Protein backbone atom coordinates (compact mmCIF):
# COMPACT_ATOMS: atom_id res chain seq x y z
CA MET A 1 -9.33 33.98 -43.34
CA SER A 2 -7.92 37.51 -43.79
CA GLU A 3 -6.14 39.37 -40.97
CA THR A 4 -9.04 41.86 -40.85
CA ASN A 5 -11.59 39.05 -40.40
CA GLN A 6 -9.45 37.41 -37.72
CA ARG A 7 -9.36 40.63 -35.73
CA SER A 8 -13.09 41.03 -36.24
CA ASP A 9 -13.81 37.54 -34.91
CA LEU A 10 -11.50 37.96 -31.93
CA ARG A 11 -13.30 41.17 -31.00
CA LYS A 12 -16.45 39.03 -30.63
CA LEU A 13 -14.72 36.88 -28.00
CA PRO A 14 -16.52 37.37 -24.65
CA SER A 15 -14.50 38.85 -21.81
CA VAL A 16 -13.66 36.96 -18.66
CA ASN A 17 -16.03 39.15 -16.66
CA ALA A 18 -18.86 38.63 -19.13
CA LEU A 19 -18.49 34.85 -18.89
CA LEU A 20 -18.39 35.03 -15.11
CA GLN A 21 -21.80 36.71 -15.16
CA THR A 22 -23.46 33.95 -17.20
CA PRO A 23 -25.60 31.39 -15.30
CA ASP A 24 -22.89 28.79 -15.82
CA GLY A 25 -20.20 31.19 -14.64
CA ILE A 26 -22.13 31.95 -11.45
CA ASP A 27 -22.60 28.22 -10.78
CA TYR A 28 -18.94 27.44 -11.41
CA VAL A 29 -17.78 30.15 -9.03
CA GLU A 30 -20.07 28.67 -6.39
CA ASP A 31 -18.80 25.14 -6.97
CA TYR A 32 -15.12 25.71 -7.77
CA GLY A 33 -14.27 29.15 -6.41
CA HIS A 34 -13.63 32.45 -8.18
CA ASP A 35 -9.90 32.14 -8.86
CA LEU A 36 -10.01 28.64 -10.30
CA THR A 37 -12.98 29.52 -12.52
CA VAL A 38 -11.18 32.59 -13.84
CA ALA A 39 -8.09 30.47 -14.57
CA ALA A 40 -10.20 27.96 -16.52
CA ILE A 41 -11.94 30.71 -18.52
CA ARG A 42 -8.60 32.27 -19.42
CA GLN A 43 -7.28 28.86 -20.47
CA VAL A 44 -10.25 28.28 -22.80
CA LEU A 45 -10.14 31.81 -24.23
CA GLY A 46 -6.43 31.38 -24.88
CA ASN A 47 -7.10 28.14 -26.75
CA ILE A 48 -9.74 29.88 -28.90
CA ARG A 49 -7.39 32.75 -29.75
CA LYS A 50 -4.73 30.30 -30.92
CA LYS A 51 -7.20 28.41 -33.13
CA VAL A 52 -8.68 31.53 -34.67
CA GLY A 53 -5.23 32.99 -35.20
CA ALA A 54 -4.19 29.82 -37.00
CA GLU A 55 -7.35 29.92 -39.13
CA GLN A 56 -8.55 26.67 -37.55
CA GLY A 57 -11.74 27.83 -35.90
CA THR A 58 -14.37 30.45 -35.23
CA ILE A 59 -15.65 32.06 -32.07
CA PRO A 60 -17.97 29.56 -30.28
CA LEU A 61 -21.12 30.58 -28.45
CA PRO A 62 -20.74 31.43 -24.74
CA GLU A 63 -22.58 28.25 -23.79
CA LEU A 64 -20.02 26.14 -25.65
CA ILE A 65 -17.15 28.13 -24.15
CA MET A 66 -18.46 27.40 -20.69
CA GLN A 67 -18.71 23.69 -21.45
CA ASP A 68 -14.97 23.70 -22.14
CA VAL A 69 -14.44 25.72 -18.95
CA LEU A 70 -16.28 23.05 -16.97
CA ALA A 71 -14.15 20.34 -18.54
CA TYR A 72 -11.00 22.10 -17.29
CA LEU A 73 -12.46 22.63 -13.84
CA GLN A 74 -13.34 18.95 -13.54
CA LEU A 75 -9.93 17.90 -14.84
CA TRP A 76 -8.11 20.09 -12.33
CA THR A 77 -10.21 19.10 -9.34
CA ASN A 78 -10.81 15.40 -9.90
CA PRO A 79 -8.86 13.46 -7.22
CA THR A 80 -6.09 11.21 -8.45
CA LEU A 81 -6.38 9.05 -5.34
CA GLU A 82 -9.76 7.34 -5.51
CA PRO A 83 -11.37 4.05 -4.48
CA VAL A 84 -11.25 1.11 -6.88
CA ILE A 85 -12.70 -2.39 -6.94
CA ASN A 86 -9.96 -5.00 -6.75
CA ALA A 87 -11.19 -7.95 -8.80
CA THR A 88 -7.68 -9.26 -9.55
CA GLY A 89 -7.60 -11.84 -6.76
CA VAL A 90 -4.35 -10.34 -5.44
CA ILE A 91 -5.24 -9.79 -1.79
CA LEU A 92 -2.39 -7.46 -0.83
CA HIS A 93 -2.13 -5.49 -4.06
CA THR A 94 0.65 -2.96 -3.50
CA ASN A 95 -0.47 -0.75 -6.40
CA LEU A 96 -4.02 -0.69 -5.02
CA GLY A 97 -3.10 0.33 -1.47
CA ARG A 98 -2.38 -3.05 0.13
CA ALA A 99 -4.61 -3.99 3.07
CA PRO A 100 -8.16 -2.60 3.25
CA LEU A 101 -9.04 -1.68 6.82
CA SER A 102 -11.60 -3.28 9.10
CA THR A 103 -14.78 -1.41 10.00
CA ASP A 104 -13.57 -0.97 13.57
CA THR A 105 -10.28 0.46 12.31
CA ILE A 106 -12.03 2.94 10.01
CA ASN A 107 -14.30 4.05 12.84
CA ALA A 108 -11.34 4.47 15.19
CA VAL A 109 -9.49 6.68 12.71
CA GLN A 110 -12.59 8.75 12.00
CA LYS A 111 -13.21 9.24 15.70
CA ILE A 112 -9.68 10.57 16.25
CA VAL A 113 -9.27 12.78 13.17
CA GLN A 114 -12.59 14.62 13.45
CA GLY A 115 -11.41 16.55 16.51
CA TYR A 116 -8.63 16.86 19.02
CA SER A 117 -7.02 13.87 20.72
CA THR A 118 -4.54 12.75 23.36
CA LEU A 119 -1.84 12.18 20.72
CA GLU A 120 0.85 13.70 22.96
CA TYR A 121 -1.10 14.58 26.10
CA ASP A 122 -1.22 12.76 29.43
CA LEU A 123 -4.72 13.10 30.89
CA GLU A 124 -3.63 11.84 34.30
CA GLU A 125 -0.79 14.34 34.71
CA GLY A 126 -2.32 17.15 32.65
CA GLU A 127 0.87 17.66 30.69
CA ARG A 128 2.72 16.59 27.57
CA GLY A 129 2.71 12.86 26.93
CA SER A 130 4.22 10.53 24.33
CA ARG A 131 2.72 9.35 21.06
CA TYR A 132 4.82 6.20 21.32
CA LEU A 133 2.60 4.74 24.04
CA HIS A 134 -0.60 4.38 22.03
CA ALA A 135 0.27 1.12 20.26
CA GLU A 136 3.16 -0.11 22.42
CA ASN A 137 1.11 -1.79 25.15
CA LEU A 138 -0.87 -3.74 22.56
CA LEU A 139 2.27 -4.75 20.66
CA THR A 140 4.06 -6.01 23.76
CA ARG A 141 1.02 -7.91 25.00
CA ILE A 142 0.47 -9.63 21.65
CA THR A 143 4.11 -10.41 20.81
CA GLY A 144 5.65 -10.78 24.24
CA ALA A 145 8.35 -8.24 23.37
CA GLU A 146 9.75 -5.91 26.03
CA ALA A 147 8.99 -2.75 24.03
CA GLY A 148 7.59 -1.50 20.75
CA LEU A 149 7.84 1.52 18.50
CA VAL A 150 5.79 2.64 15.49
CA VAL A 151 7.10 4.75 12.59
CA ASN A 152 5.60 5.56 9.20
CA ASN A 153 6.66 2.45 7.23
CA ASN A 154 9.02 -0.49 7.40
CA ALA A 155 11.69 1.20 5.28
CA SER A 156 11.72 3.97 7.87
CA ALA A 157 11.97 1.39 10.63
CA LEU A 158 15.05 -0.14 9.02
CA LEU A 159 16.60 3.27 8.38
CA LEU A 160 16.07 4.26 12.01
CA ILE A 161 17.50 1.01 13.39
CA LEU A 162 20.65 1.20 11.28
CA SER A 163 21.15 4.93 11.91
CA ALA A 164 20.80 4.51 15.68
CA LEU A 165 22.66 1.23 16.19
CA SER A 166 25.17 0.84 13.38
CA TYR A 167 26.26 4.27 12.11
CA ARG A 168 29.72 3.97 10.52
CA ARG A 169 30.01 0.44 11.84
CA ARG A 170 30.03 -2.91 10.08
CA THR A 171 26.65 -4.60 9.70
CA LEU A 172 26.63 -8.21 8.57
CA ILE A 173 24.08 -9.36 6.02
CA SER A 174 23.97 -12.41 3.78
CA ARG A 175 24.27 -11.91 0.03
CA THR A 176 21.19 -14.11 -0.29
CA GLN A 177 19.20 -11.27 1.31
CA LEU A 178 20.41 -8.20 -0.62
CA ILE A 179 16.98 -7.71 -2.11
CA GLU A 180 15.26 -5.12 -4.25
CA ILE A 181 11.50 -4.81 -3.82
CA GLY A 182 8.82 -2.70 -5.53
CA GLY A 183 9.58 0.92 -6.36
CA GLY A 184 13.31 0.25 -6.61
CA PHE A 185 13.81 -0.07 -2.83
CA ARG A 186 17.13 -1.81 -2.27
CA ILE A 187 18.51 -2.99 1.05
CA PRO A 188 22.10 -1.91 0.21
CA ASP A 189 20.87 1.61 -0.63
CA VAL A 190 19.01 2.12 2.64
CA MET A 191 22.04 0.83 4.53
CA THR A 192 24.23 3.38 2.76
CA GLN A 193 21.79 6.19 3.57
CA SER A 194 21.79 5.21 7.24
CA GLY A 195 25.56 5.44 7.46
CA ALA A 196 25.93 1.74 8.30
CA VAL A 197 28.83 -0.08 6.65
CA LEU A 198 27.54 -3.00 4.64
CA GLU A 199 29.45 -6.25 5.12
CA GLU A 200 28.28 -8.93 2.71
CA ILE A 201 28.88 -12.56 3.62
CA GLY A 202 28.31 -15.82 1.81
CA THR A 203 27.36 -16.11 -1.86
CA THR A 204 24.21 -15.27 -3.77
CA ASN A 205 22.77 -18.74 -3.20
CA ARG A 206 24.54 -20.16 -0.14
CA VAL A 207 25.60 -18.82 3.25
CA HIS A 208 26.77 -20.84 6.22
CA ILE A 209 27.01 -20.12 9.93
CA GLU A 210 30.80 -20.27 9.53
CA ASP A 211 30.56 -17.21 7.28
CA TYR A 212 29.01 -15.28 10.17
CA GLN A 213 31.62 -16.55 12.61
CA ARG A 214 34.57 -15.61 10.38
CA ALA A 215 33.20 -12.13 9.64
CA ILE A 216 32.69 -11.44 13.35
CA GLU A 217 36.19 -12.67 14.25
CA GLU A 218 38.03 -10.80 11.47
CA GLU A 219 37.00 -7.21 12.23
CA PRO A 220 34.76 -5.41 14.74
CA VAL A 221 31.05 -5.77 13.93
CA LYS A 222 28.23 -3.69 15.41
CA LEU A 223 25.11 -5.45 14.16
CA VAL A 224 23.92 -8.64 12.48
CA MET A 225 20.88 -8.33 10.24
CA ARG A 226 18.57 -10.80 8.55
CA VAL A 227 16.15 -9.68 5.82
CA HIS A 228 13.03 -11.44 4.52
CA ARG A 229 13.25 -11.93 0.74
CA SER A 230 9.75 -10.58 0.34
CA ASN A 231 8.89 -11.19 -3.30
CA PHE A 232 10.97 -14.15 -4.49
CA LYS A 233 12.09 -17.62 -3.43
CA LEU A 234 15.63 -18.95 -3.26
CA MET A 235 15.54 -22.42 -4.84
CA GLY A 236 17.91 -25.10 -6.05
CA PHE A 237 21.44 -25.43 -4.66
CA THR A 238 20.94 -23.18 -1.66
CA ALA A 239 21.78 -23.03 2.03
CA GLU A 240 21.11 -20.67 4.92
CA PRO A 241 21.52 -21.12 8.66
CA ALA A 242 18.45 -21.00 10.87
CA LEU A 243 17.74 -17.77 12.72
CA GLU A 244 18.48 -19.55 16.03
CA GLU A 245 22.00 -20.35 14.80
CA ILE A 246 22.60 -16.76 13.72
CA THR A 247 21.43 -15.30 17.02
CA ALA A 248 23.52 -17.79 19.01
CA VAL A 249 26.71 -16.80 17.18
CA ALA A 250 25.92 -13.09 17.37
CA HIS A 251 25.01 -13.15 21.06
CA ALA A 252 28.15 -15.08 21.90
CA ALA A 253 30.05 -12.10 20.51
CA GLY A 254 27.80 -9.61 22.29
CA LEU A 255 26.12 -8.43 19.09
CA PRO A 256 22.42 -7.65 18.59
CA VAL A 257 20.44 -9.30 15.78
CA VAL A 258 17.84 -7.38 13.77
CA ASP A 259 15.27 -9.41 11.82
CA ASP A 260 13.54 -7.46 9.06
CA LEU A 261 10.47 -9.62 8.50
CA GLY A 262 9.10 -7.26 5.85
CA SER A 263 5.46 -8.26 5.85
CA GLY A 264 5.23 -9.47 9.42
CA CYS A 265 2.55 -11.85 10.62
CA PHE A 266 0.82 -12.79 13.87
CA LEU A 267 -1.12 -15.81 12.54
CA ASP A 268 0.20 -19.13 11.23
CA THR A 269 -0.25 -19.00 7.47
CA ALA A 270 0.06 -22.80 7.30
CA ASP A 271 -3.38 -23.01 8.91
CA TYR A 272 -4.81 -21.54 5.68
CA GLY A 273 -3.17 -23.89 3.18
CA LEU A 274 -0.15 -21.65 2.62
CA ALA A 275 3.55 -22.12 3.30
CA HIS A 276 4.53 -21.30 6.86
CA GLU A 277 5.62 -17.69 7.26
CA MET A 278 7.73 -16.99 10.35
CA THR A 279 5.64 -14.97 12.77
CA VAL A 280 6.89 -12.02 14.77
CA MET A 281 6.60 -14.09 17.94
CA GLU A 282 8.68 -16.92 16.45
CA SER A 283 11.40 -14.47 15.44
CA LEU A 284 11.57 -13.07 18.96
CA ALA A 285 11.62 -16.59 20.42
CA ALA A 286 14.52 -17.45 18.08
CA GLY A 287 16.56 -14.71 19.73
CA SER A 288 16.06 -11.64 17.56
CA ASP A 289 16.79 -8.51 19.56
CA LEU A 290 14.69 -6.31 17.27
CA VAL A 291 12.06 -7.33 14.73
CA CYS A 292 10.66 -4.84 12.23
CA PHE A 293 7.72 -5.30 9.86
CA SER A 294 4.93 -3.50 8.00
CA GLY A 295 1.50 -2.56 9.31
CA ASP A 296 -0.36 -2.76 6.00
CA LYS A 297 0.62 -6.21 4.76
CA LEU A 298 -0.18 -9.46 6.57
CA LEU A 299 -1.01 -7.52 9.70
CA GLY A 300 -3.96 -6.02 7.78
CA GLY A 301 -3.78 -2.49 9.19
CA PRO A 302 -2.74 0.99 8.06
CA GLN A 303 0.68 1.87 6.66
CA ALA A 304 3.19 1.75 9.49
CA GLY A 305 6.63 0.47 10.34
CA ILE A 306 6.57 -1.57 13.54
CA ILE A 307 9.60 -2.36 15.69
CA VAL A 308 9.44 -4.72 18.67
CA GLY A 309 12.15 -6.17 20.85
CA ARG A 310 14.49 -5.40 23.70
CA LYS A 311 13.60 -2.27 25.66
CA VAL A 312 17.17 -0.98 25.91
CA LEU A 313 17.45 -0.94 22.13
CA VAL A 314 13.96 0.46 21.48
CA ASP A 315 14.72 3.28 23.94
CA ARG A 316 17.81 4.16 21.91
CA LEU A 317 15.69 4.32 18.77
CA ARG A 318 13.16 6.66 20.39
CA LYS A 319 15.90 9.14 21.32
CA HIS A 320 17.56 9.21 17.89
CA PRO A 321 16.94 12.32 15.72
CA VAL A 322 15.71 10.19 12.81
CA ALA A 323 12.82 8.95 14.99
CA ARG A 324 11.11 12.32 14.79
CA ALA A 325 11.54 12.49 11.03
CA VAL A 326 9.84 9.13 10.51
CA ARG A 327 7.27 9.13 13.31
CA ALA A 328 3.72 7.91 12.73
CA ASP A 329 0.81 10.33 12.80
CA LYS A 330 -2.47 10.11 14.73
CA MET A 331 -4.32 8.39 11.87
CA ALA A 332 -1.77 5.59 11.62
CA LEU A 333 -1.53 5.15 15.38
CA SER A 334 -5.30 5.05 15.96
CA GLY A 335 -5.83 2.69 13.03
CA LEU A 336 -2.99 0.42 14.06
CA ALA A 337 -4.25 0.24 17.66
CA ALA A 338 -7.72 -0.76 16.45
CA THR A 339 -6.25 -3.43 14.15
CA LEU A 340 -4.06 -4.81 16.94
CA MET A 341 -7.13 -5.04 19.14
CA HIS A 342 -8.57 -7.63 16.73
CA TYR A 343 -5.56 -9.86 17.40
CA LEU A 344 -5.73 -9.29 21.13
CA LYS A 345 -9.40 -10.37 21.13
CA GLY A 346 -8.79 -13.34 18.82
CA GLU A 347 -11.10 -11.98 16.12
CA ALA A 348 -8.62 -11.16 13.33
CA GLU A 349 -9.94 -13.82 10.95
CA ARG A 350 -13.51 -12.58 11.37
CA LYS A 351 -12.91 -8.83 11.23
CA ILE A 352 -9.74 -8.01 9.28
CA PRO A 353 -10.55 -7.97 5.53
CA ILE A 354 -7.35 -9.63 4.28
CA TRP A 355 -7.78 -12.52 6.71
CA GLN A 356 -11.43 -12.82 5.73
CA MET A 357 -10.20 -13.18 2.14
CA ILE A 358 -7.37 -15.58 2.95
CA SER A 359 -9.66 -17.82 5.01
CA MET A 360 -12.64 -17.59 2.65
CA ASN A 361 -14.29 -20.94 1.99
CA PRO A 362 -13.91 -21.99 -1.69
CA ASP A 363 -17.61 -22.97 -1.76
CA ILE A 364 -18.55 -19.37 -0.88
CA ILE A 365 -16.28 -18.07 -3.62
CA ARG A 366 -17.82 -20.49 -6.12
CA SER A 367 -21.35 -19.49 -5.11
CA ARG A 368 -20.56 -15.79 -5.60
CA ALA A 369 -18.89 -16.48 -8.95
CA GLU A 370 -21.86 -18.51 -10.21
CA GLN A 371 -24.30 -15.83 -9.13
CA TRP A 372 -22.28 -13.17 -10.96
CA ALA A 373 -21.90 -15.30 -14.08
CA ARG A 374 -25.69 -15.65 -14.37
CA MET A 375 -25.93 -11.85 -14.46
CA LEU A 376 -23.10 -11.28 -16.97
CA ARG A 377 -23.88 -12.18 -20.56
CA GLY A 378 -21.58 -14.79 -22.08
CA SER A 379 -19.51 -15.37 -18.95
CA ARG A 380 -18.77 -18.64 -17.17
CA VAL A 381 -17.11 -19.89 -13.98
CA VAL A 382 -13.66 -21.48 -14.12
CA GLU A 383 -11.19 -22.68 -11.52
CA GLY A 384 -8.22 -20.46 -10.83
CA GLU A 385 -5.81 -19.14 -8.23
CA SER A 386 -5.60 -16.08 -5.98
CA ALA A 387 -2.33 -14.58 -4.71
CA VAL A 388 -1.60 -13.16 -1.27
CA GLY A 389 0.66 -10.53 -2.85
CA GLY A 390 2.24 -7.49 -1.23
CA GLY A 391 5.68 -9.06 -0.98
CA SER A 392 4.26 -11.81 1.21
CA LEU A 393 4.53 -15.56 0.66
CA PRO A 394 6.11 -15.37 -2.82
CA GLY A 395 4.82 -18.06 -5.16
CA GLU A 396 2.08 -19.17 -2.77
CA MET A 397 -1.40 -19.35 -4.28
CA LEU A 398 -4.91 -20.03 -2.98
CA PRO A 399 -7.48 -22.01 -5.04
CA THR A 400 -10.37 -19.88 -6.22
CA TYR A 401 -13.20 -19.65 -8.75
CA LEU A 402 -13.13 -16.96 -11.44
CA VAL A 403 -15.76 -15.37 -13.62
CA SER A 404 -14.37 -15.65 -17.15
CA ILE A 405 -15.60 -13.03 -19.64
CA PRO A 406 -14.71 -13.78 -23.29
CA VAL A 407 -14.16 -10.53 -25.20
CA SER A 408 -12.18 -9.46 -28.21
CA GLN A 409 -9.25 -7.22 -27.35
CA PRO A 410 -9.27 -7.99 -23.61
CA ASP A 411 -6.72 -5.28 -22.84
CA GLN A 412 -9.07 -2.68 -24.27
CA PHE A 413 -11.91 -4.15 -22.23
CA LEU A 414 -9.78 -3.82 -19.09
CA LYS A 415 -9.26 -0.17 -19.99
CA ARG A 416 -13.02 0.29 -20.24
CA LEU A 417 -13.45 -1.29 -16.80
CA ARG A 418 -10.89 1.16 -15.42
CA GLN A 419 -13.06 3.98 -16.73
CA SER A 420 -16.04 2.79 -14.68
CA ARG A 421 -16.97 4.67 -11.52
CA PRO A 422 -15.68 3.27 -9.30
CA PRO A 423 -12.92 1.84 -11.52
CA ILE A 424 -12.77 -1.95 -11.75
CA ILE A 425 -9.34 -3.60 -11.84
CA ALA A 426 -9.38 -7.14 -13.26
CA ARG A 427 -6.87 -9.40 -15.02
CA VAL A 428 -6.47 -11.33 -18.28
CA GLU A 429 -5.82 -15.05 -18.63
CA ASN A 430 -5.94 -17.02 -21.88
CA ASP A 431 -7.32 -13.95 -23.68
CA ASN A 432 -10.32 -13.81 -21.32
CA VAL A 433 -11.01 -11.15 -18.71
CA MET A 434 -11.04 -12.75 -15.26
CA VAL A 435 -12.85 -11.50 -12.17
CA ASP A 436 -11.94 -13.06 -8.80
CA PRO A 437 -14.62 -12.75 -6.08
CA ARG A 438 -12.06 -13.39 -3.32
CA SER A 439 -10.66 -9.84 -3.36
CA VAL A 440 -13.94 -7.98 -3.96
CA LEU A 441 -15.25 -6.41 -0.78
CA PRO A 442 -18.91 -7.32 -0.07
CA GLN A 443 -20.01 -3.68 -0.04
CA GLN A 444 -18.58 -3.22 -3.55
CA GLU A 445 -20.35 -6.18 -5.15
CA GLY A 446 -23.30 -4.14 -6.47
CA ALA A 447 -21.08 -1.52 -8.08
CA LEU A 448 -18.90 -4.27 -9.58
CA LEU A 449 -21.84 -5.97 -11.29
CA VAL A 450 -23.26 -2.69 -12.62
CA GLY A 451 -19.85 -1.74 -14.01
CA LEU A 452 -19.34 -5.13 -15.63
CA GLN A 453 -22.85 -5.21 -17.11
CA ASN A 454 -22.43 -1.72 -18.58
CA ALA A 455 -19.04 -2.57 -20.03
CA ILE A 456 -20.28 -5.82 -21.58
CA SER A 457 -23.38 -4.11 -22.99
CA ARG A 458 -21.39 -1.31 -24.63
CA TRP A 459 -18.75 -3.74 -25.84
CA GLY A 460 -21.41 -5.79 -27.60
CA ASN A 461 -22.56 -2.72 -29.51
C-alpha cells in the first residue's frame, strides 16, 4: 500500500465523537460510563492506525470497530474475584477462598453492611464504644478463656502478640516448628518483623523439655511459643514435649506461653474419622496463656485472626499500636459472631458448610455421584479420597466417591471447565478428570451439571 493510500484510508477512520453517537456508542456510555467508553474507542482506533500504517489491514466498518470496543470494555470491567464451583474434594481450598460461609453468617454480614451499625457505638451510654466487644463475649463463653480479641488474620495475630509481648526480647521456639506455609509465609520472618529475637532450640526433628529448661536458664527469655506445623507431618525419629510440659517449665520461670494453633478448632476431629486435632479449649486447659488461630479454616467463618487467653495479656494487645493496623472490620466481626453462634447453639455440624462436608455420610456422596454419572456421557463412579486442606490435618483424608470422566488431554479439559460460568475447578487422577461431590455446595449442583454436560458435548465434537 502506498503512503498516499495509507493516508487516504486513515482519513476514513471515524472520529471518537462519531463513534460515540452510534447506537452502540450510546449503549456503551449508558452501561460503562463516558470516560471508559472513550478510552476503549481510542484504544481500538490506535490499534487500527498501527495496522494500517504497517500495511496489515484496512479500515473496518463502524459496527466492527464497536465490537472491538465492547471487547475492551468487558475485559476492563470483568471482576477478577468471582465465584467458582469447587469440585476438587479439598474442603478448605486456600486458593479458592477457604471456608464458605453459612447462610446465617451471610445474612448477618448483609444486614450490617447495608447500612450503619454499632461497630464502635455504645447504645446504652450514647457514646463511642469498642469494636473489640462484638465477638469477645461469644469467644470467652465457648472457649472458657478470660478474654478474646479479633484481628484481620492469624498472621496479624502472631505479629501483634510478638510486637506487644516480646519486642527486642528472646522468644523460644523449637526448630521443629520453624515452618513455611502457603504464599511464602515463614515464622522466622514474622518474628523478625515484630522485633522479637528468635531463639531456636532443639533440632529439626527432635526437641526435649530439657532444651526449654536450658534456654530459659542461660539468658533472659520473654516468651515461649509453640507453632502448629499446619501443612506437614513430622515422622520417623522425632520427639517433642507435650504442651503441658512446656507450659509447666515456662510458668515456673514466670514466662507466658503462646500457642499458635494455625487452623484452630472447636470440635473433636476424631469424631469424624480424622486424626485428633488439638482444640482451642484443650490448648487453654494445657496452660497456654494465649492461643491464636484463623477464622476461615476449621472454624468455618470469615477471614480473621482470633486471640483468646489471659485478660491481662489480651488487654496489652488491645493497647498496642499494631492492634489498630491489623484490626478486623465490621464484615469480619459480624460474620465471625454469626459463625460463633452456631457453636454456642450446638448446631455447627448442621449449619456450617465445612462441617457439613466433613461429616457428610458416604452413602449420600455415593448417591449424588451416581446421579451425576447417569447425566454425564461416558462417566462412571469410583472410590476416592477428599482432603480437609487449608493447612489443617496434613495427610488426613476422608473416603469419598468420585465421578470419573475419561477424556483425552485432561489438562485441556480442566481448562475448558475453568472457562465455564461459573468456572468449575476439578482435578485429574490416572488421566481422568475427577469430580468430588463432597465439596460441591448444594445450590451449585445445577450449574455444575450444566457446565460439565456442555464441556463434554463440545469435547466430543
